[in-house]
Amino acid sequence: MAATGYKNDAIKLVAEQVMQPRGLTGLAQDTLDASKSELRTIFELLALQETYPILVHCTQGKDRTGLVILLMMLLVGEQVSRAAIIDDYTRSELELVPEFEERMREISALGLGEDYTRCPPGFVDDLIDYLDSHYGGVSGYLAGIGINGIMQEKIRERIMNSSC
């Protein structure tokens, strides 16, 4: 469809037939599975001293950026509680309220529902469960994409060390 000039129709078809049924959690799981190279590049940068200080952001902060921050917080481990991670993720929804109507128009035009504008609290638990069951946790996921234990420890230290 896209090759024949029906790009918007193709996007809407994928949104309605694939993304909507998978939901935000499915989208995040798919991102973990399909964007390993991109996530490896991000975490390789996070392991480098000269990368810091660092700013990670995007328009909404709940999808791709939210996933990166979630992985970083999980990597830190016991220093950040699950409740704090959930609170951090769901906080994005409150910050997006002023843009809600505009975002609803955009996602409705794609064929997606209101749930794509939200930051559901169950998202974090579902993603942690997915990482645990498919990769043995965040450390296993990162090791699987090429971020070894030494690099993971460097990232932990740099995230937790305010004097980077």
C-alpha atoms as a PDB file:
ATOM      1  CA  MET A   1       0.000   0.000   0.000  1.00  0.00           C
ATOM      2  CA  ALA A   2       2.712   2.476   0.959  1.00  0.00           C
ATOM      3  CA  ALA A   3       4.606   1.813  -2.275  1.00  0.00           C
ATOM      4  CA  THR A   4       1.526   2.671  -4.335  1.00  0.00           C
ATOM      5  CA  GLY A   5       0.893   6.046  -2.693  1.00  0.00           C
ATOM      6  CA  TYR A   6      -1.383   4.925   0.108  1.00  0.00           C
ATOM      7  CA  LYS A   7       1.019   5.621   2.969  1.00  0.00           C
ATOM      8  CA  ASN A   8      -1.613   7.016   5.357  1.00  0.00           C
ATOM      9  CA  ASP A   9      -3.924   4.099   4.626  1.00  0.00           C
ATOM     10  CA  ALA A  10      -1.076   1.668   5.307  1.00  0.00           C
ATOM     11  CA  ILE A  11      -0.254   3.387   8.604  1.00  0.00           C
ATOM     12  CA  LYS A  12      -3.899   3.301   9.668  1.00  0.00           C
ATOM     13  CA  LEU A  13      -4.199  -0.370   8.729  1.00  0.00           C
ATOM     14  CA  VAL A  14      -1.154  -1.290  10.847  1.00  0.00           C
ATOM     15  CA  ALA A  15      -2.433   0.849  13.717  1.00  0.00           C
ATOM     16  CA  GLU A  16      -5.908  -0.697  13.680  1.00  0.00           C
ATOM     17  CA  GLN A  17      -4.947  -4.297  12.952  1.00  0.00           C
ATOM     18  CA  VAL A  18      -1.656  -4.630  14.847  1.00  0.00           C
ATOM     19  CA  MET A  19      -0.981  -1.835  17.308  1.00  0.00           C
ATOM     20  CA  GLN A  20      -4.461  -1.396  18.801  1.00  0.00           C
ATOM     21  CA  PRO A  21      -4.915  -5.096  19.632  1.00  0.00           C
ATOM     22  CA  ARG A  22      -1.371  -5.270  21.126  1.00  0.00           C
ATOM     23  CA  GLY A  23      -1.840  -2.153  23.254  1.00  0.00           C
ATOM     24  CA  LEU A  24       0.922  -0.108  24.861  1.00  0.00           C
ATOM     25  CA  THR A  25       2.363  -3.096  26.671  1.00  0.00           C
ATOM     26  CA  GLY A  26       2.550  -5.091  23.452  1.00  0.00           C
ATOM     27  CA  LEU A  27       4.155  -2.129  21.705  1.00  0.00           C
ATOM     28  CA  ALA A  28       6.815  -1.935  24.424  1.00  0.00           C
ATOM     29  CA  GLN A  29       7.420  -5.690  24.245  1.00  0.00           C
ATOM     30  CA  ASP A  30       7.744  -5.440  20.473  1.00  0.00           C
ATOM     31  CA  THR A  31      10.169  -2.538  20.890  1.00  0.00           C
ATOM     32  CA  LEU A  32      12.314  -4.602  23.264  1.00  0.00           C
ATOM     33  CA  ASP A  33      12.333  -7.494  20.802  1.00  0.00           C
ATOM     34  CA  ALA A  34      12.744  -5.557  17.552  1.00  0.00           C
ATOM     35  CA  SER A  35      14.927  -2.588  18.568  1.00  0.00           C
ATOM     36  CA  LYS A  36      17.809  -4.396  20.218  1.00  0.00           C
ATOM     37  CA  SER A  37      20.417  -2.685  18.062  1.00  0.00           C
ATOM     38  CA  GLU A  38      19.064   0.773  18.861  1.00  0.00           C
ATOM     39  CA  LEU A  39      18.778   0.013  22.568  1.00  0.00           C
ATOM     40  CA  ARG A  40      22.305  -1.421  22.561  1.00  0.00           C
ATOM     41  CA  THR A  41      23.582   1.864  21.091  1.00  0.00           C
ATOM     42  CA  ILE A  42      21.818   3.849  23.820  1.00  0.00           C
ATOM     43  CA  PHE A  43      23.228   1.684  26.607  1.00  0.00           C
ATOM     44  CA  GLU A  44      26.715   1.706  25.068  1.00  0.00           C
ATOM     45  CA  LEU A  45      26.562   5.503  25.317  1.00  0.00           C
ATOM     46  CA  LEU A  46      25.286   5.305  28.896  1.00  0.00           C
ATOM     47  CA  ALA A  47      28.357   3.234  29.818  1.00  0.00           C
ATOM     48  CA  LEU A  48      30.748   5.998  28.698  1.00  0.00           C
ATOM     49  CA  GLN A  49      31.926   8.556  31.261  1.00  0.00           C
ATOM     50  CA  GLU A  50      32.067  11.316  28.642  1.00  0.00           C
ATOM     51  CA  THR A  51      28.341  10.906  27.949  1.00  0.00           C
ATOM     52  CA  TYR A  52      27.464  12.475  31.308  1.00  0.00           C
ATOM     53  CA  PRO A  53      25.637  14.558  32.228  1.00  0.00           C
ATOM     54  CA  ILE A  54      22.941  13.274  29.903  1.00  0.00           C
ATOM     55  CA  LEU A  55      19.408  14.315  29.033  1.00  0.00           C
ATOM     56  CA  VAL A  56      16.946  11.716  27.748  1.00  0.00           C
ATOM     57  CA  HIS A  57      13.663  13.147  26.501  1.00  0.00           C
ATOM     58  CA  CYS A  58      11.028  13.215  23.795  1.00  0.00           C
ATOM     59  CA  THR A  59       7.625  14.757  23.151  1.00  0.00           C
ATOM     60  CA  GLN A  60       5.610  12.585  25.530  1.00  0.00           C
ATOM     61  CA  GLY A  61       8.192  10.608  27.478  1.00  0.00           C
ATOM     62  CA  LYS A  62       6.049   7.523  27.944  1.00  0.00           C
ATOM     63  CA  ASP A  63       6.764   5.266  25.001  1.00  0.00           C
ATOM     64  CA  ARG A  64      10.339   4.975  23.682  1.00  0.00           C
ATOM     65  CA  THR A  65      11.880   7.364  26.198  1.00  0.00           C
ATOM     66  CA  GLY A  66       9.774   5.877  28.974  1.00  0.00           C
ATOM     67  CA  LEU A  67      11.069   2.440  28.038  1.00  0.00           C
ATOM     68  CA  VAL A  68      14.717   3.579  28.133  1.00  0.00           C
ATOM     69  CA  ILE A  69      14.249   5.267  31.517  1.00  0.00           C
ATOM     70  CA  LEU A  70      12.406   2.201  32.821  1.00  0.00           C
ATOM     71  CA  LEU A  71      15.312  -0.036  31.782  1.00  0.00           C
ATOM     72  CA  MET A  72      17.784   2.359  33.422  1.00  0.00           C
ATOM     73  CA  MET A  73      15.810   2.417  36.677  1.00  0.00           C
ATOM     74  CA  LEU A  74      15.471  -1.370  36.697  1.00  0.00           C
ATOM     75  CA  LEU A  75      19.205  -1.703  36.119  1.00  0.00           C
ATOM     76  CA  VAL A  76      19.904   0.374  39.210  1.00  0.00           C
ATOM     77  CA  GLY A  77      18.031  -2.322  41.118  1.00  0.00           C
ATOM     78  CA  GLU A  78      17.378  -2.127  44.810  1.00  0.00           C
ATOM     79  CA  GLN A  79      18.257   1.574  45.010  1.00  0.00           C
ATOM     80  CA  VAL A  80      14.989   2.361  43.181  1.00  0.00           C
ATOM     81  CA  SER A  81      11.810   0.644  44.358  1.00  0.00           C
ATOM     82  CA  ARG A  82       9.233  -0.749  41.969  1.00  0.00           C
ATOM     83  CA  ALA A  83       6.741   1.749  43.423  1.00  0.00           C
ATOM     84  CA  ALA A  84       9.094   4.631  42.572  1.00  0.00           C
ATOM     85  CA  ILE A  85       9.506   3.324  39.020  1.00  0.00           C
ATOM     86  CA  ILE A  86       5.724   3.048  38.595  1.00  0.00           C
ATOM     87  CA  ASP A  87       5.262   6.554  40.016  1.00  0.00           C
ATOM     88  CA  ASP A  88       7.889   7.970  37.668  1.00  0.00           C
ATOM     89  CA  TYR A  89       6.308   6.345  34.614  1.00  0.00           C
ATOM     90  CA  THR A  90       2.705   7.282  35.447  1.00  0.00           C
ATOM     91  CA  ARG A  91       3.731  10.878  36.191  1.00  0.00           C
ATOM     92  CA  SER A  92       4.048  11.447  32.437  1.00  0.00           C
ATOM     93  CA  GLU A  93       0.278  11.127  32.045  1.00  0.00           C
ATOM     94  CA  LEU A  94      -0.399  14.109  34.322  1.00  0.00           C
ATOM     95  CA  GLU A  95       2.133  16.192  32.422  1.00  0.00           C
ATOM     96  CA  LEU A  96       0.371  15.381  29.146  1.00  0.00           C
ATOM     97  CA  VAL A  97      -3.114  16.567  30.203  1.00  0.00           C
ATOM     98  CA  PRO A  98      -2.792  19.989  28.493  1.00  0.00           C
ATOM     99  CA  GLU A  99      -2.137  18.235  25.165  1.00  0.00           C
ATOM    100  CA  PHE A 100      -4.765  15.503  25.583  1.00  0.00           C
ATOM    101  CA  GLU A 101      -7.254  16.721  22.959  1.00  0.00           C
ATOM    102  CA  GLU A 102      -4.557  17.275  20.333  1.00  0.00           C
ATOM    103  CA  ARG A 103      -3.034  13.853  21.021  1.00  0.00           C
ATOM    104  CA  MET A 104      -6.485  12.221  20.848  1.00  0.00           C
ATOM    105  CA  ARG A 105      -7.080  13.745  17.411  1.00  0.00           C
ATOM    106  CA  GLU A 106      -3.711  12.492  16.191  1.00  0.00           C
ATOM    107  CA  ILE A 107      -4.084   8.943  17.446  1.00  0.00           C
ATOM    108  CA  SER A 108      -7.743   8.693  16.438  1.00  0.00           C
ATOM    109  CA  ALA A 109      -6.727   9.616  12.889  1.00  0.00           C
ATOM    110  CA  LEU A 110      -4.346   6.643  13.011  1.00  0.00           C
ATOM    111  CA  GLY A 111      -7.079   4.319  14.234  1.00  0.00           C
ATOM    112  CA  LEU A 112      -5.777   4.020  17.791  1.00  0.00           C
ATOM    113  CA  GLY A 113      -7.823   4.315  20.964  1.00  0.00           C
ATOM    114  CA  GLU A 114      -7.543   6.531  24.026  1.00  0.00           C
ATOM    115  CA  ASP A 115      -5.435   3.948  25.851  1.00  0.00           C
ATOM    116  CA  TYR A 116      -2.503   5.063  23.672  1.00  0.00           C
ATOM    117  CA  THR A 117      -2.631   8.481  25.366  1.00  0.00           C
ATOM    118  CA  ARG A 118      -2.342   7.022  28.862  1.00  0.00           C
ATOM    119  CA  CYS A 119       0.410   5.770  31.147  1.00  0.00           C
ATOM    120  CA  PRO A 120      -1.312   2.835  32.821  1.00  0.00           C
ATOM    121  CA  PRO A 121       0.183   1.761  36.178  1.00  0.00           C
ATOM    122  CA  GLY A 122       0.039  -1.924  35.158  1.00  0.00           C
ATOM    123  CA  PHE A 123       2.402  -1.179  32.271  1.00  0.00           C
ATOM    124  CA  VAL A 124       5.515  -1.256  34.463  1.00  0.00           C
ATOM    125  CA  ASP A 125       4.566  -4.511  36.198  1.00  0.00           C
ATOM    126  CA  ASP A 126       3.681  -6.122  32.867  1.00  0.00           C
ATOM    127  CA  LEU A 127       6.982  -5.071  31.326  1.00  0.00           C
ATOM    128  CA  ILE A 128       9.002  -6.285  34.320  1.00  0.00           C
ATOM    129  CA  ASP A 129       7.184  -9.628  34.090  1.00  0.00           C
ATOM    130  CA  TYR A 130       7.969  -9.768  30.354  1.00  0.00           C
ATOM    131  CA  LEU A 131      11.652  -9.005  30.916  1.00  0.00           C
ATOM    132  CA  ASP A 132      11.810 -11.635  33.672  1.00  0.00           C
ATOM    133  CA  SER A 133      10.035 -14.365  31.707  1.00  0.00           C
ATOM    134  CA  HIS A 134      11.697 -13.775  28.316  1.00  0.00           C
ATOM    135  CA  TYR A 135      15.166 -12.520  29.230  1.00  0.00           C
ATOM    136  CA  GLY A 136      15.784 -13.344  32.891  1.00  0.00           C
ATOM    137  CA  GLY A 137      15.300  -9.700  33.910  1.00  0.00           C
ATOM    138  CA  VAL A 138      16.801  -6.418  32.799  1.00  0.00           C
ATOM    139  CA  SER A 139      20.400  -7.611  33.246  1.00  0.00           C
ATOM    140  CA  GLY A 140      19.690 -10.633  31.066  1.00  0.00           C
ATOM    141  CA  TYR A 141      18.049  -8.466  28.437  1.00  0.00           C
ATOM    142  CA  LEU A 142      20.962  -6.035  28.364  1.00  0.00           C
ATOM    143  CA  ALA A 143      23.515  -8.866  28.258  1.00  0.00           C
ATOM    144  CA  GLY A 144      21.585 -10.382  25.365  1.00  0.00           C
ATOM    145  CA  ILE A 145      21.864  -7.180  23.342  1.00  0.00           C
ATOM    146  CA  GLY A 146      25.588  -6.827  24.034  1.00  0.00           C
ATOM    147  CA  ILE A 147      25.761  -4.816  27.256  1.00  0.00           C
ATOM    148  CA  ASN A 148      27.945  -7.054  29.432  1.00  0.00           C
ATOM    149  CA  GLY A 149      28.127  -7.067  33.227  1.00  0.00           C
ATOM    150  CA  ILE A 150      31.051  -4.621  33.353  1.00  0.00           C
ATOM    151  CA  MET A 151      29.191  -2.110  31.185  1.00  0.00           C
ATOM    152  CA  GLN A 152      26.033  -2.586  33.252  1.00  0.00           C
ATOM    153  CA  GLU A 153      27.974  -1.868  36.445  1.00  0.00           C
ATOM    154  CA  LYS A 154      29.472   1.282  34.894  1.00  0.00           C
ATOM    155  CA  ILE A 155      25.977   2.468  33.975  1.00  0.00           C
ATOM    156  CA  ARG A 156      24.706   1.753  37.512  1.00  0.00           C
ATOM    157  CA  GLU A 157      27.599   3.676  39.036  1.00  0.00           C
ATOM    158  CA  ARG A 158      27.174   6.625  36.701  1.00  0.00           C
ATOM    159  CA  ILE A 159      23.419   6.841  37.205  1.00  0.00           C
ATOM    160  CA  MET A 160      23.770   6.734  40.994  1.00  0.00           C
ATOM    161  CA  ASN A 161      26.859   8.979  41.219  1.00  0.00           C
ATOM    162  CA  SER A 162      25.704  12.584  41.207  1.00  0.00           C
ATOM    163  CA  SER A 163      29.248  13.842  40.579  1.00  0.00           C
ATOM    164  CA  CYS A 164      29.628  12.222  37.114  1.00  0.00           C
END
